Amino acid sequence: MKKRSAILISLACLLMIGSLFVPLWDITLDAPQYPEGLSMQIWLSKLSGDVSTISGLNHYIGMKAISEEMFPEFGYMNYIVIGVIISGLIVSLLRKKWLFATWFIAFLIIAAAGVYDFYLWEYDYGHNLDPRAAIKIPGMTYQPPLIGCQELLNFYACSFPSTGGWLIVISGTTAFLVFVDEMFLNRKKREHSYRPIQA
């Protein structure tokens, strides 16, 4: 593993430290009755923003009350990210290519599992409605978008990564580029340099 690659992985891991102290995801709701908008931030270990107001509004259409107890992941996500950071720094010190590849694939799996877990929560939250709700529209579901914006009744809901999410995206993109360079581009350069000279 090249020295430059090790430095980039170290920087990517150090950048991820910021995700422990800022929100990962931001969900906003805009409606005529709320011209200033409502927002909810999802951190690695908690929720913040207009959680109680959004939860109260959702109650009328049969959605569950939003609480931190809905997210058992809050109990261990910090430790997983810290583990990724520490192991990545160790990899950058040892500079073993196979170790880096193992770390990167594990990082990729953890990130994909986190996004999928968030999608499953949104699906359950938007589809598993209380039949005794005050407002019922046959066939209507209220799953927030995983990423992007969508109209839900008279609300315009948007869901995008927040600061912590972008830090992880940048770190993951950096690791991906290093992975491609180390596993493919660097190999091609070596093969080219070892090619015998034709008489």
Protein backbone atom coordinates (compact mmCIF):
# COMPACT_ATOMS: atom_id res chain seq x y z
CA MET A 1 0.00 0.00 0.00
CA LYS A 2 1.48 3.30 -1.09
CA LYS A 3 2.32 6.00 1.41
CA ARG A 4 -0.04 8.42 -0.34
CA SER A 5 -2.86 5.89 -0.02
CA ALA A 6 -2.16 5.43 3.69
CA ILE A 7 -2.27 9.20 4.24
CA LEU A 8 -5.59 9.49 2.40
CA ILE A 9 -7.15 6.69 4.46
CA SER A 10 -5.91 8.36 7.66
CA LEU A 11 -7.49 11.65 6.59
CA ALA A 12 -10.75 9.89 5.67
CA CYS A 13 -10.90 8.26 9.10
CA LEU A 14 -10.12 11.51 10.90
CA LEU A 15 -12.85 13.23 8.88
CA MET A 16 -15.36 10.61 10.06
CA ILE A 17 -14.76 11.65 13.67
CA GLY A 18 -16.93 14.68 12.96
CA SER A 19 -19.95 12.43 12.30
CA LEU A 20 -19.99 11.58 16.02
CA PHE A 21 -20.85 15.18 16.91
CA VAL A 22 -23.22 16.39 14.17
CA PRO A 23 -26.49 15.09 12.66
CA LEU A 24 -26.30 12.35 10.02
CA TRP A 25 -29.63 12.93 8.30
CA ASP A 26 -32.16 15.73 7.97
CA ILE A 27 -35.88 15.35 7.22
CA THR A 28 -37.89 18.52 6.54
CA LEU A 29 -41.62 19.10 6.12
CA ASP A 30 -43.15 22.15 4.45
CA ALA A 31 -46.86 22.95 4.48
CA PRO A 32 -49.08 26.05 4.22
CA GLN A 33 -49.86 25.92 7.95
CA TYR A 34 -46.14 25.76 8.76
CA PRO A 35 -44.53 28.42 6.51
CA GLU A 36 -41.30 28.23 8.53
CA GLY A 37 -41.19 24.46 7.99
CA LEU A 38 -40.56 21.59 10.35
CA SER A 39 -37.40 19.51 10.56
CA MET A 40 -36.05 16.45 12.33
CA GLN A 41 -32.38 15.56 12.57
CA ILE A 42 -31.16 11.98 13.00
CA TRP A 43 -27.83 11.59 14.79
CA LEU A 44 -25.86 8.43 15.48
CA SER A 45 -27.34 8.25 18.97
CA LYS A 46 -30.34 10.57 19.18
CA LEU A 47 -33.04 12.67 17.47
CA SER A 48 -33.36 16.44 17.50
CA GLY A 49 -35.50 19.19 15.98
CA ASP A 50 -39.30 19.41 15.82
CA VAL A 51 -39.74 15.75 16.77
CA SER A 52 -42.77 16.16 19.05
CA THR A 53 -44.62 18.44 16.58
CA ILE A 54 -44.04 16.08 13.64
CA SER A 55 -45.01 13.10 15.77
CA GLY A 56 -48.22 14.84 16.83
CA LEU A 57 -49.20 15.62 13.25
CA ASN A 58 -48.43 12.09 12.09
CA HIS A 59 -50.67 10.69 14.83
CA TYR A 60 -53.76 11.98 12.99
CA ILE A 61 -53.02 9.80 9.96
CA GLY A 62 -52.21 6.73 12.04
CA MET A 63 -48.42 6.83 12.12
CA LYS A 64 -46.57 5.77 15.26
CA ALA A 65 -45.28 8.34 17.73
CA ILE A 66 -41.64 9.09 16.97
CA SER A 67 -39.26 8.39 19.83
CA GLU A 68 -35.65 7.45 20.30
CA GLU A 69 -36.82 4.07 21.60
CA MET A 70 -37.83 3.25 18.00
CA PHE A 71 -34.15 3.16 17.09
CA PRO A 72 -32.28 0.43 18.99
CA GLU A 73 -29.36 1.30 16.67
CA PHE A 74 -28.75 4.42 18.78
CA GLY A 75 -27.31 2.12 21.44
CA TYR A 76 -24.42 0.90 19.30
CA MET A 77 -23.96 3.01 16.15
CA ASN A 78 -21.40 5.28 17.83
CA TYR A 79 -19.29 2.25 18.70
CA ILE A 80 -19.46 0.87 15.15
CA VAL A 81 -18.29 4.17 13.66
CA ILE A 82 -15.52 4.48 16.25
CA GLY A 83 -14.48 0.91 15.40
CA VAL A 84 -14.33 1.77 11.69
CA ILE A 85 -12.25 4.86 12.44
CA ILE A 86 -9.75 3.11 14.74
CA SER A 87 -9.37 0.08 12.47
CA GLY A 88 -8.88 2.36 9.45
CA LEU A 89 -6.10 4.24 11.23
CA ILE A 90 -4.44 0.92 12.11
CA VAL A 91 -4.69 -0.15 8.46
CA SER A 92 -3.07 3.10 7.32
CA LEU A 93 -0.18 2.50 9.74
CA LEU A 94 0.41 -1.14 8.75
CA ARG A 95 -0.01 -0.44 5.03
CA LYS A 96 -0.92 -4.01 4.15
CA LYS A 97 -2.96 -4.13 0.96
CA TRP A 98 -5.01 -7.20 1.95
CA LEU A 99 -5.81 -5.60 5.30
CA PHE A 100 -6.92 -2.40 3.60
CA ALA A 101 -9.13 -4.36 1.18
CA THR A 102 -10.76 -6.20 4.10
CA TRP A 103 -11.35 -2.92 5.95
CA PHE A 104 -12.82 -1.20 2.91
CA ILE A 105 -15.23 -4.05 2.14
CA ALA A 106 -16.34 -4.12 5.80
CA PHE A 107 -16.84 -0.32 5.67
CA LEU A 108 -18.93 -0.72 2.51
CA ILE A 109 -21.09 -3.45 4.06
CA ILE A 110 -21.68 -1.43 7.24
CA ALA A 111 -22.66 1.68 5.25
CA ALA A 112 -25.02 -0.30 2.98
CA ALA A 113 -26.58 -2.04 5.99
CA GLY A 114 -27.13 1.33 7.68
CA VAL A 115 -28.90 2.79 4.64
CA TYR A 116 -31.02 -0.35 4.21
CA ASP A 117 -31.95 -0.34 7.89
CA PHE A 118 -33.06 3.30 7.59
CA TYR A 119 -35.18 2.40 4.53
CA LEU A 120 -36.86 -0.45 6.43
CA TRP A 121 -37.69 1.92 9.29
CA GLU A 122 -39.20 4.44 6.86
CA TYR A 123 -41.20 1.71 5.14
CA ASP A 124 -42.65 0.40 8.40
CA TYR A 125 -43.32 3.91 9.68
CA GLY A 126 -45.17 4.92 6.52
CA HIS A 127 -47.10 1.70 5.91
CA ASN A 128 -47.92 0.27 9.34
CA LEU A 129 -50.79 2.65 10.16
CA ASP A 130 -53.30 2.63 13.00
CA PRO A 131 -56.72 1.68 11.54
CA ARG A 132 -58.37 3.88 14.19
CA ALA A 133 -56.65 7.04 12.88
CA ALA A 134 -58.71 10.23 12.62
CA ILE A 135 -57.76 10.69 8.96
CA LYS A 136 -57.90 7.62 6.72
CA ILE A 137 -57.37 7.63 2.95
CA PRO A 138 -57.80 4.17 1.38
CA GLY A 139 -54.64 2.98 -0.33
CA MET A 140 -52.58 5.94 0.90
CA THR A 141 -49.19 5.35 2.51
CA TYR A 142 -46.85 7.93 4.01
CA GLN A 143 -43.35 6.54 3.64
CA PRO A 144 -40.87 9.44 3.61
CA PRO A 145 -38.39 9.42 0.74
CA LEU A 146 -35.05 7.76 1.49
CA ILE A 147 -33.35 10.62 -0.32
CA GLY A 148 -35.01 13.44 -2.23
CA CYS A 149 -38.42 15.11 -1.94
CA GLN A 150 -42.00 13.89 -2.17
CA GLU A 151 -45.53 15.22 -1.62
CA LEU A 152 -47.40 13.55 1.25
CA LEU A 153 -50.94 14.97 1.44
CA ASN A 154 -50.49 18.72 2.00
CA PHE A 155 -46.87 18.30 3.14
CA TYR A 156 -43.76 18.44 1.01
CA ALA A 157 -41.25 16.09 2.64
CA CYS A 158 -37.52 16.15 1.89
CA SER A 159 -34.86 13.77 3.15
CA PHE A 160 -31.13 14.39 2.64
CA PRO A 161 -27.83 13.67 4.37
CA SER A 162 -26.87 16.26 6.98
CA THR A 163 -23.33 17.28 7.90
CA GLY A 164 -22.39 13.95 9.49
CA GLY A 165 -23.80 12.02 6.55
CA TRP A 166 -21.77 14.05 4.08
CA LEU A 167 -18.63 13.50 6.15
CA ILE A 168 -19.15 9.74 5.89
CA VAL A 169 -19.92 10.01 2.16
CA ILE A 170 -16.69 11.95 1.56
CA SER A 171 -14.72 9.46 3.67
CA GLY A 172 -16.26 6.51 1.84
CA THR A 173 -15.63 8.08 -1.57
CA THR A 174 -12.00 8.71 -0.64
CA ALA A 175 -11.61 5.09 0.50
CA PHE A 176 -13.24 3.86 -2.73
CA LEU A 177 -10.85 5.87 -4.90
CA VAL A 178 -7.88 4.55 -2.92
CA PHE A 179 -9.25 1.00 -3.28
CA VAL A 180 -9.53 1.36 -7.07
CA ASP A 181 -6.05 2.85 -7.28
CA GLU A 182 -4.42 0.19 -5.09
CA MET A 183 -6.25 -2.86 -6.43
CA PHE A 184 -6.55 -2.05 -10.13
CA LEU A 185 -4.70 1.02 -11.40
CA ASN A 186 -1.55 0.33 -9.41
CA ARG A 187 -1.51 -3.30 -10.62
CA LYS A 188 -1.76 -2.20 -14.24
CA LYS A 189 1.16 0.18 -13.75
CA ARG A 190 3.28 -2.65 -12.31
CA GLU A 191 2.37 -5.01 -15.14
CA HIS A 192 3.26 -2.36 -17.67
CA SER A 193 6.60 -1.65 -16.01
CA TYR A 194 7.51 -5.37 -16.00
CA ARG A 195 6.61 -5.92 -19.66
CA PRO A 196 9.65 -7.28 -21.50
CA ILE A 197 11.20 -5.10 -24.16
CA GLN A 198 10.60 -6.47 -27.64
CA ALA A 199 13.67 -6.79 -29.87
